[in-house]
Amino acid sequence: YGYTNGPTEGFNNKIKVLKRISFGLKNFHRLRKTLAKRLFQILKLKKL
């Protein structure tokens, strides 16, 4: 077949890890900002 959902599962796992790292943040806006920053760093590193 040649198709896999591996990249999607990997991305979902990264989101779950970031949620665990961000546990205890005071509000949703700070959580969203932290997640966006971390995901941008991950995607930037993959392009190099």
PDB file of N, CA and C in Angstrom:
ATOM      1  N   TYR A   1       0.806  -1.207   0.000  1.00  0.00           N
ATOM      2  CA  TYR A   1       0.000   0.000   0.000  1.00  0.00           C
ATOM      3  C   TYR A   1       0.848   1.269   0.000  1.00  0.00           C
ATOM      4  N   GLY A   2       1.831   1.345   0.864  1.00  0.00           N
ATOM      5  CA  GLY A   2       2.715   2.499   0.847  1.00  0.00           C
ATOM      6  C   GLY A   2       2.237   3.715   1.622  1.00  0.00           C
ATOM      7  N   TYR A   3       1.061   3.629   2.217  1.00  0.00           N
ATOM      8  CA  TYR A   3       0.546   4.754   2.989  1.00  0.00           C
ATOM      9  C   TYR A   3       0.613   4.428   4.473  1.00  0.00           C
ATOM     10  N   THR A   4       0.910   5.438   5.265  1.00  0.00           N
ATOM     11  CA  THR A   4       0.978   5.232   6.704  1.00  0.00           C
ATOM     12  C   THR A   4       0.466   6.479   7.417  1.00  0.00           C
ATOM     13  N   ASN A   5      -0.041   6.297   8.618  1.00  0.00           N
ATOM     14  CA  ASN A   5      -0.492   7.437   9.406  1.00  0.00           C
ATOM     15  C   ASN A   5       0.554   7.800  10.459  1.00  0.00           C
ATOM     16  N   GLY A   6       1.778   7.339  10.271  1.00  0.00           N
ATOM     17  CA  GLY A   6       2.862   7.601  11.212  1.00  0.00           C
ATOM     18  C   GLY A   6       3.112   9.079  11.482  1.00  0.00           C
ATOM     19  N   PRO A   7       3.232   9.917  10.446  1.00  0.00           N
ATOM     20  CA  PRO A   7       3.456  11.340  10.701  1.00  0.00           C
ATOM     21  C   PRO A   7       2.335  11.985  11.515  1.00  0.00           C
ATOM     22  N   THR A   8       1.101  11.603  11.231  1.00  0.00           N
ATOM     23  CA  THR A   8      -0.031  12.153  11.983  1.00  0.00           C
ATOM     24  C   THR A   8       0.025  11.717  13.435  1.00  0.00           C
ATOM     25  N   GLU A   9       0.312  10.440  13.672  1.00  0.00           N
ATOM     26  CA  GLU A   9       0.410   9.934  15.041  1.00  0.00           C
ATOM     27  C   GLU A   9       1.570  10.599  15.779  1.00  0.00           C
ATOM     28  N   GLY A  10       2.671  10.839  15.092  1.00  0.00           N
ATOM     29  CA  GLY A  10       3.802  11.525  15.710  1.00  0.00           C
ATOM     30  C   GLY A  10       3.450  12.942  16.116  1.00  0.00           C
ATOM     31  N   PHE A  11       2.729  13.638  15.250  1.00  0.00           N
ATOM     32  CA  PHE A  11       2.314  15.006  15.556  1.00  0.00           C
ATOM     33  C   PHE A  11       1.355  15.022  16.739  1.00  0.00           C
ATOM     34  N   ASN A  12       0.412  14.068  16.772  1.00  0.00           N
ATOM     35  CA  ASN A  12      -0.513  13.970  17.904  1.00  0.00           C
ATOM     36  C   ASN A  12       0.240  13.696  19.200  1.00  0.00           C
ATOM     37  N   ASN A  13       1.261  12.859  19.137  1.00  0.00           N
ATOM     38  CA  ASN A  13       2.058  12.562  20.322  1.00  0.00           C
ATOM     39  C   ASN A  13       2.779  13.811  20.817  1.00  0.00           C
ATOM     40  N   LYS A  14       3.308  14.606  19.902  1.00  0.00           N
ATOM     41  CA  LYS A  14       3.991  15.845  20.296  1.00  0.00           C
ATOM     42  C   LYS A  14       3.024  16.791  21.013  1.00  0.00           C
ATOM     43  N   ILE A  15       1.792  16.869  20.547  1.00  0.00           N
ATOM     44  CA  ILE A  15       0.795  17.718  21.203  1.00  0.00           C
ATOM     45  C   ILE A  15       0.521  17.213  22.616  1.00  0.00           C
ATOM     46  N   LYS A  16       0.400  15.898  22.786  1.00  0.00           N
ATOM     47  CA  LYS A  16       0.153  15.332  24.114  1.00  0.00           C
ATOM     48  C   LYS A  16       1.313  15.618  25.058  1.00  0.00           C
ATOM     49  N   VAL A  17       2.541  15.504  24.552  1.00  0.00           N
ATOM     50  CA  VAL A  17       3.716  15.789  25.380  1.00  0.00           C
ATOM     51  C   VAL A  17       3.725  17.254  25.788  1.00  0.00           C
ATOM     52  N   LEU A  18       3.426  18.142  24.852  1.00  0.00           N
ATOM     53  CA  LEU A  18       3.405  19.571  25.161  1.00  0.00           C
ATOM     54  C   LEU A  18       2.317  19.901  26.176  1.00  0.00           C
ATOM     55  N   LYS A  19       1.189  19.210  26.107  1.00  0.00           N
ATOM     56  CA  LYS A  19       0.135  19.427  27.098  1.00  0.00           C
ATOM     57  C   LYS A  19       0.612  19.018  28.486  1.00  0.00           C
ATOM     58  N   ARG A  20       1.364  17.915  28.568  1.00  0.00           N
ATOM     59  CA  ARG A  20       1.888  17.487  29.868  1.00  0.00           C
ATOM     60  C   ARG A  20       2.924  18.475  30.391  1.00  0.00           C
ATOM     61  N   ILE A  21       3.768  18.985  29.499  1.00  0.00           N
ATOM     62  CA  ILE A  21       4.777  19.968  29.906  1.00  0.00           C
ATOM     63  C   ILE A  21       4.096  21.235  30.414  1.00  0.00           C
ATOM     64  N   SER A  22       3.000  21.622  29.773  1.00  0.00           N
ATOM     65  CA  SER A  22       2.321  22.878  30.084  1.00  0.00           C
ATOM     66  C   SER A  22       1.341  22.762  31.240  1.00  0.00           C
ATOM     67  N   PHE A  23       1.259  21.619  31.874  1.00  0.00           N
ATOM     68  CA  PHE A  23       0.325  21.437  32.983  1.00  0.00           C
ATOM     69  C   PHE A  23       0.609  22.459  34.077  1.00  0.00           C
ATOM     70  N   GLY A  24      -0.421  23.108  34.570  1.00  0.00           N
ATOM     71  CA  GLY A  24      -0.263  24.071  35.644  1.00  0.00           C
ATOM     72  C   GLY A  24      -0.190  25.516  35.188  1.00  0.00           C
ATOM     73  N   LEU A  25      -0.246  25.755  33.883  1.00  0.00           N
ATOM     74  CA  LEU A  25      -0.265  27.139  33.425  1.00  0.00           C
ATOM     75  C   LEU A  25      -1.579  27.784  33.854  1.00  0.00           C
ATOM     76  N   LYS A  26      -1.536  29.063  34.095  1.00  0.00           N
ATOM     77  CA  LYS A  26      -2.661  29.758  34.719  1.00  0.00           C
ATOM     78  C   LYS A  26      -3.895  29.879  33.833  1.00  0.00           C
ATOM     79  N   ASN A  27      -3.711  30.065  32.533  1.00  0.00           N
ATOM     80  CA  ASN A  27      -4.891  30.260  31.697  1.00  0.00           C
ATOM     81  C   ASN A  27      -4.696  29.654  30.308  1.00  0.00           C
ATOM     82  N   PHE A  28      -5.789  29.577  29.571  1.00  0.00           N
ATOM     83  CA  PHE A  28      -5.775  28.945  28.260  1.00  0.00           C
ATOM     84  C   PHE A  28      -4.912  29.715  27.276  1.00  0.00           C
ATOM     85  N   HIS A  29      -4.910  31.037  27.338  1.00  0.00           N
ATOM     86  CA  HIS A  29      -4.129  31.838  26.394  1.00  0.00           C
ATOM     87  C   HIS A  29      -2.639  31.558  26.546  1.00  0.00           C
ATOM     88  N   ARG A  30      -2.188  31.397  27.765  1.00  0.00           N
ATOM     89  CA  ARG A  30      -0.782  31.081  27.992  1.00  0.00           C
ATOM     90  C   ARG A  30      -0.455  29.673  27.477  1.00  0.00           C
ATOM     91  N   LEU A  31      -1.376  28.733  27.687  1.00  0.00           N
ATOM     92  CA  LEU A  31      -1.193  27.376  27.174  1.00  0.00           C
ATOM     93  C   LEU A  31      -1.100  27.401  25.653  1.00  0.00           C
ATOM     94  N   ARG A  32      -2.020  28.118  25.013  1.00  0.00           N
ATOM     95  CA  ARG A  32      -2.019  28.195  23.552  1.00  0.00           C
ATOM     96  C   ARG A  32      -0.735  28.830  23.030  1.00  0.00           C
ATOM     97  N   LYS A  33      -0.279  29.874  23.700  1.00  0.00           N
ATOM     98  CA  LYS A  33       0.953  30.543  23.293  1.00  0.00           C
ATOM     99  C   LYS A  33       2.151  29.603  23.438  1.00  0.00           C
ATOM    100  N   THR A  34       2.201  28.870  24.540  1.00  0.00           N
ATOM    101  CA  THR A  34       3.297  27.929  24.772  1.00  0.00           C
ATOM    102  C   THR A  34       3.283  26.814  23.735  1.00  0.00           C
ATOM    103  N   LEU A  35       2.095  26.263  23.460  1.00  0.00           N
ATOM    104  CA  LEU A  35       2.000  25.197  22.466  1.00  0.00           C
ATOM    105  C   LEU A  35       2.426  25.686  21.086  1.00  0.00           C
ATOM    106  N   ALA A  36       1.989  26.868  20.702  1.00  0.00           N
ATOM    107  CA  ALA A  36       2.349  27.408  19.392  1.00  0.00           C
ATOM    108  C   ALA A  36       3.858  27.610  19.291  1.00  0.00           C
ATOM    109  N   LYS A  37       4.458  28.120  20.343  1.00  0.00           N
ATOM    110  CA  LYS A  37       5.901  28.356  20.340  1.00  0.00           C
ATOM    111  C   LYS A  37       6.668  27.045  20.204  1.00  0.00           C
ATOM    112  N   ARG A  38       6.278  26.042  20.990  1.00  0.00           N
ATOM    113  CA  ARG A  38       6.978  24.752  20.945  1.00  0.00           C
ATOM    114  C   ARG A  38       6.778  24.055  19.605  1.00  0.00           C
ATOM    115  N   LEU A  39       5.551  24.072  19.081  1.00  0.00           N
ATOM    116  CA  LEU A  39       5.294  23.428  17.801  1.00  0.00           C
ATOM    117  C   LEU A  39       6.062  24.114  16.679  1.00  0.00           C
ATOM    118  N   PHE A  40       6.160  25.437  16.722  1.00  0.00           N
ATOM    119  CA  PHE A  40       6.930  26.164  15.721  1.00  0.00           C
ATOM    120  C   PHE A  40       8.393  25.746  15.781  1.00  0.00           C
ATOM    121  N   GLN A  41       8.936  25.598  16.997  1.00  0.00           N
ATOM    122  CA  GLN A  41      10.325  25.169  17.142  1.00  0.00           C
ATOM    123  C   GLN A  41      10.527  23.774  16.570  1.00  0.00           C
ATOM    124  N   ILE A  42       9.587  22.869  16.829  1.00  0.00           N
ATOM    125  CA  ILE A  42       9.699  21.501  16.322  1.00  0.00           C
ATOM    126  C   ILE A  42       9.651  21.493  14.798  1.00  0.00           C
ATOM    127  N   LEU A  43       8.698  22.219  14.226  1.00  0.00           N
ATOM    128  CA  LEU A  43       8.566  22.245  12.771  1.00  0.00           C
ATOM    129  C   LEU A  43       9.768  22.913  12.123  1.00  0.00           C
ATOM    130  N   LYS A  44      10.312  23.933  12.755  1.00  0.00           N
ATOM    131  CA  LYS A  44      11.482  24.627  12.230  1.00  0.00           C
ATOM    132  C   LYS A  44      12.686  23.689  12.215  1.00  0.00           C
ATOM    133  N   LEU A  45      12.864  22.896  13.259  1.00  0.00           N
ATOM    134  CA  LEU A  45      13.982  21.959  13.323  1.00  0.00           C
ATOM    135  C   LEU A  45      13.855  20.864  12.272  1.00  0.00           C
ATOM    136  N   LYS A  46      12.648  20.428  11.981  1.00  0.00           N
ATOM    137  CA  LYS A  46      12.455  19.369  10.991  1.00  0.00           C
ATOM    138  C   LYS A  46      12.799  19.842   9.587  1.00  0.00           C
ATOM    139  N   LYS A  47      12.637  21.128   9.306  1.00  0.00           N
ATOM    140  CA  LYS A  47      12.927  21.649   7.969  1.00  0.00           C
ATOM    141  C   LYS A  47      14.423  21.736   7.711  1.00  0.00           C
ATOM    142  N   LEU A  48      15.234  21.812   8.759  1.00  0.00           N
ATOM    143  CA  LEU A  48      16.682  21.920   8.575  1.00  0.00           C
ATOM    144  C   LEU A  48      17.247  20.633   8.175  1.00  0.00           C
TER     145      LEU A  48
END
